[in-house]
Amino acid sequence: MFVFLRLFILCLFSLSITACIDLEEDLSDSQRPEAQAFKQQLISNQWKSDGTPSNGILITSYLFFLSDNQVSKRRFFTDSSGSIVEISGTADYSIGKKVILPSGLSAFELNLMNKSISFDSDLIPPPVTLELVIIEDDILYFGLPKIIETCKGEYLERVITDAVVENGSIRDFDTRTECYARPNSINFDKPFRKVEDK
């Protein structure tokens, strides 16, 4: 009986080690040399967007990727009184595998876990954002949003609340669910350029 018990414990121990190794291999996509090299490009630079118009104001964003898998975004715009306003937010990020897009471009999967409501431009960002990212000629590009109208297959959901305005005042709120997936194309209209040291 004692020998059987020792053999059983030894088998369990071997299986648990194998399971840990398999799990490590599954999670190690971001540890591959090409993903690490890409991450090094991200964290060794600061990134600045071109001015983007939104609701009649021009917004400039800065991105700072850090080695501890944190990214911060700072947005600057001038309000109606002429004062410069700064909004900042943070997120955790992880770099996934390299993928070939339908256009033939190579990009890396990027997952963002939002830690503050102001990180994304929308009022209520999803807790997790599935992104694509590339760097070409010292310019950082992200993916085009991919909305799934049928909400079928692999997707994430976000609940959006729109104000219903009647006679100049808010009468009610309309809530809708939007389903989205990781982009499969790059948005070249919103570049983030490397900030050059002076």
Protein backbone atom coordinates (compact mmCIF):
# COMPACT_ATOMS: atom_id res chain seq x y z
CA MET A 1 0.00 0.00 0.00
CA PHE A 2 2.81 2.39 0.94
CA VAL A 3 4.65 1.68 -2.34
CA PHE A 4 1.47 2.31 -4.33
CA LEU A 5 0.93 5.62 -2.48
CA ARG A 6 4.51 6.75 -3.22
CA LEU A 7 4.08 5.80 -6.88
CA PHE A 8 0.77 7.68 -7.05
CA ILE A 9 2.33 10.83 -5.49
CA LEU A 10 5.27 10.61 -7.89
CA CYS A 11 2.89 10.41 -10.88
CA LEU A 12 0.87 13.38 -9.62
CA PHE A 13 4.06 15.40 -9.15
CA SER A 14 5.23 14.57 -12.69
CA LEU A 15 1.85 15.55 -14.16
CA SER A 16 1.80 18.86 -12.28
CA ILE A 17 5.30 19.74 -13.55
CA THR A 18 4.25 18.89 -17.12
CA ALA A 19 1.10 21.02 -16.75
CA CYS A 20 3.18 23.96 -15.47
CA ILE A 21 5.60 23.66 -18.39
CA ASP A 22 2.70 23.53 -20.88
CA LEU A 23 1.11 26.59 -19.26
CA GLU A 24 4.44 28.41 -19.35
CA GLU A 25 4.80 27.61 -23.06
CA ASP A 26 1.25 28.86 -23.71
CA LEU A 27 1.96 32.13 -21.92
CA SER A 28 5.43 32.63 -23.35
CA ASP A 29 4.39 34.08 -26.73
CA SER A 30 5.39 37.51 -25.49
CA GLN A 31 8.79 36.11 -24.40
CA ARG A 32 9.81 35.15 -27.93
CA PRO A 33 12.83 37.14 -29.21
CA GLU A 34 10.84 39.00 -31.90
CA ALA A 35 8.16 40.08 -29.40
CA GLN A 36 10.86 41.17 -26.94
CA ALA A 37 12.63 43.17 -29.65
CA PHE A 38 9.36 44.88 -30.56
CA LYS A 39 8.66 45.64 -26.89
CA GLN A 40 12.13 47.17 -26.60
CA GLN A 41 11.29 49.49 -29.51
CA LEU A 42 8.11 50.55 -27.72
CA ILE A 43 9.70 51.27 -24.36
CA SER A 44 12.85 52.96 -25.64
CA ASN A 45 10.83 55.77 -27.24
CA GLN A 46 8.10 58.23 -26.36
CA TRP A 47 5.29 58.65 -28.87
CA LYS A 48 3.27 61.73 -29.83
CA SER A 49 0.14 61.84 -31.98
CA ASP A 50 -0.64 64.47 -34.56
CA GLY A 51 -3.33 66.89 -33.41
CA THR A 52 -6.71 65.17 -33.77
CA PRO A 53 -9.94 67.22 -33.92
CA SER A 54 -12.69 66.09 -31.53
CA ASN A 55 -15.86 68.08 -30.81
CA GLY A 56 -14.29 71.26 -32.16
CA ILE A 57 -11.03 71.04 -30.21
CA LEU A 58 -7.59 69.77 -31.22
CA ILE A 59 -6.21 66.98 -29.00
CA THR A 60 -2.58 65.86 -28.90
CA SER A 61 -1.72 62.60 -27.14
CA TYR A 62 1.55 61.24 -25.74
CA LEU A 63 2.15 57.53 -25.06
CA PHE A 64 4.77 56.21 -22.64
CA PHE A 65 5.31 52.42 -22.63
CA LEU A 66 7.28 51.21 -19.62
CA SER A 67 9.26 48.01 -19.07
CA ASP A 68 6.94 46.91 -16.22
CA ASN A 69 4.07 46.42 -18.70
CA GLN A 70 2.43 49.74 -17.87
CA VAL A 71 1.54 52.38 -20.43
CA SER A 72 0.39 55.92 -19.75
CA LYS A 73 -1.38 58.30 -22.09
CA ARG A 74 -1.41 62.06 -21.63
CA ARG A 75 -3.79 64.21 -23.68
CA PHE A 76 -3.47 67.95 -24.11
CA PHE A 77 -6.01 70.40 -25.53
CA THR A 78 -6.85 74.09 -25.20
CA ASP A 79 -10.22 74.84 -23.60
CA SER A 80 -12.57 77.73 -24.46
CA SER A 81 -10.75 80.08 -22.05
CA GLY A 82 -7.42 79.42 -23.77
CA SER A 83 -6.02 77.30 -20.94
CA ILE A 84 -4.16 74.09 -21.73
CA VAL A 85 -5.90 71.08 -20.17
CA GLU A 86 -4.19 67.74 -19.51
CA ILE A 87 -6.02 64.43 -19.10
CA SER A 88 -4.02 61.33 -18.22
CA GLY A 89 -4.75 57.64 -17.90
CA THR A 90 -2.93 54.36 -17.41
CA ALA A 91 -3.27 50.76 -18.54
CA ASP A 92 -1.44 47.46 -18.27
CA TYR A 93 -0.28 46.06 -21.60
CA SER A 94 0.99 42.78 -22.98
CA ILE A 95 2.50 42.03 -26.38
CA GLY A 96 1.21 38.88 -28.02
CA LYS A 97 2.20 37.01 -31.13
CA LYS A 98 3.23 38.39 -34.50
CA VAL A 99 0.47 38.08 -37.10
CA ILE A 100 0.28 38.56 -40.86
CA LEU A 101 -2.68 40.76 -41.82
CA PRO A 102 -4.81 40.23 -44.97
CA SER A 103 -2.87 43.13 -46.54
CA GLY A 104 0.40 41.22 -46.06
CA LEU A 105 1.66 43.54 -43.30
CA SER A 106 3.19 42.07 -40.14
CA ALA A 107 1.83 43.37 -36.84
CA PHE A 108 1.92 42.40 -33.17
CA GLU A 109 -1.10 41.71 -31.02
CA LEU A 110 -1.40 44.15 -28.14
CA ASN A 111 -3.77 43.77 -25.19
CA LEU A 112 -4.57 46.75 -22.99
CA MET A 113 -6.18 46.42 -19.56
CA ASN A 114 -7.55 49.88 -18.79
CA LYS A 115 -6.93 51.13 -15.27
CA SER A 116 -8.53 54.56 -15.63
CA ILE A 117 -11.62 55.81 -17.41
CA SER A 118 -9.76 58.51 -19.32
CA PHE A 119 -7.28 56.18 -21.04
CA ASP A 120 -9.47 55.77 -24.12
CA SER A 121 -11.25 58.53 -26.00
CA ASP A 122 -14.70 57.07 -25.34
CA LEU A 123 -16.54 57.97 -22.15
CA ILE A 124 -16.68 54.38 -20.93
CA PRO A 125 -13.78 52.32 -22.27
CA PRO A 126 -13.97 48.53 -22.27
CA PRO A 127 -11.96 46.94 -19.44
CA VAL A 128 -9.86 45.08 -22.02
CA THR A 129 -8.88 46.38 -25.45
CA LEU A 130 -7.68 44.00 -28.16
CA GLU A 131 -5.29 45.90 -30.42
CA LEU A 132 -2.82 45.50 -33.24
CA VAL A 133 0.34 47.59 -33.38
CA ILE A 134 3.20 48.16 -35.82
CA ILE A 135 6.21 50.47 -36.01
CA GLU A 136 7.35 51.68 -39.43
CA ASP A 137 9.94 54.44 -39.99
CA ASP A 138 9.80 55.52 -36.32
CA ILE A 139 6.01 55.85 -36.48
CA LEU A 140 3.67 53.79 -34.28
CA TYR A 141 0.31 52.75 -35.73
CA PHE A 142 -2.64 50.98 -34.13
CA GLY A 143 -5.47 48.95 -35.65
CA LEU A 144 -8.76 50.11 -37.07
CA PRO A 145 -11.66 49.28 -34.73
CA LYS A 146 -13.42 46.08 -35.72
CA ILE A 147 -17.10 46.04 -34.79
CA ILE A 148 -19.02 42.76 -35.06
CA GLU A 149 -22.63 43.58 -35.80
CA THR A 150 -23.92 40.04 -35.22
CA CYS A 151 -22.09 39.58 -31.88
CA LYS A 152 -21.14 36.03 -32.88
CA GLY A 153 -17.82 34.23 -32.76
CA GLU A 154 -14.93 35.49 -30.63
CA TYR A 155 -15.61 39.02 -29.40
CA LEU A 156 -15.72 41.34 -26.41
CA GLU A 157 -18.70 43.46 -25.42
CA ARG A 158 -19.00 47.02 -24.26
CA VAL A 159 -22.11 48.81 -23.07
CA ILE A 160 -22.51 52.33 -24.47
CA THR A 161 -24.87 54.88 -22.97
CA ASP A 162 -26.06 57.71 -25.22
CA ALA A 163 -27.96 60.72 -23.92
CA VAL A 164 -31.38 61.32 -25.50
CA VAL A 165 -31.66 65.12 -25.91
CA GLU A 166 -35.02 66.82 -26.36
CA ASN A 167 -35.47 70.62 -26.58
CA GLY A 168 -31.88 71.21 -25.54
CA SER A 169 -31.99 69.11 -22.36
CA ILE A 170 -31.30 65.48 -21.56
CA ARG A 171 -34.59 63.59 -21.42
CA ASP A 172 -33.34 60.03 -21.05
CA PHE A 173 -30.43 57.68 -21.64
CA ASP A 174 -30.31 55.01 -24.33
CA THR A 175 -28.11 51.97 -23.65
CA ARG A 176 -26.77 49.70 -26.36
CA THR A 177 -24.29 46.84 -26.50
CA GLU A 178 -21.47 46.90 -29.03
CA CYS A 179 -19.39 43.84 -29.88
CA TYR A 180 -15.85 44.17 -31.11
CA ALA A 181 -12.86 41.95 -31.89
CA ARG A 182 -9.15 42.43 -32.51
CA PRO A 183 -8.56 44.59 -35.59
CA ASN A 184 -7.29 42.99 -38.78
CA SER A 185 -6.11 46.19 -40.47
CA ILE A 186 -3.99 49.20 -39.48
CA ASN A 187 -5.20 52.78 -39.09
CA PHE A 188 -2.62 54.85 -40.97
CA ASP A 189 -4.64 58.06 -40.40
CA LYS A 190 -3.68 58.23 -36.71
CA PRO A 191 0.11 58.01 -36.41
CA PHE A 192 2.12 58.33 -33.20
CA ARG A 193 5.54 59.73 -34.07
CA LYS A 194 8.71 59.10 -32.09
CA VAL A 195 9.51 62.07 -29.86
CA GLU A 196 13.01 63.20 -30.78
CA ASP A 197 15.38 64.18 -27.97
CA LYS A 198 16.46 67.79 -28.15
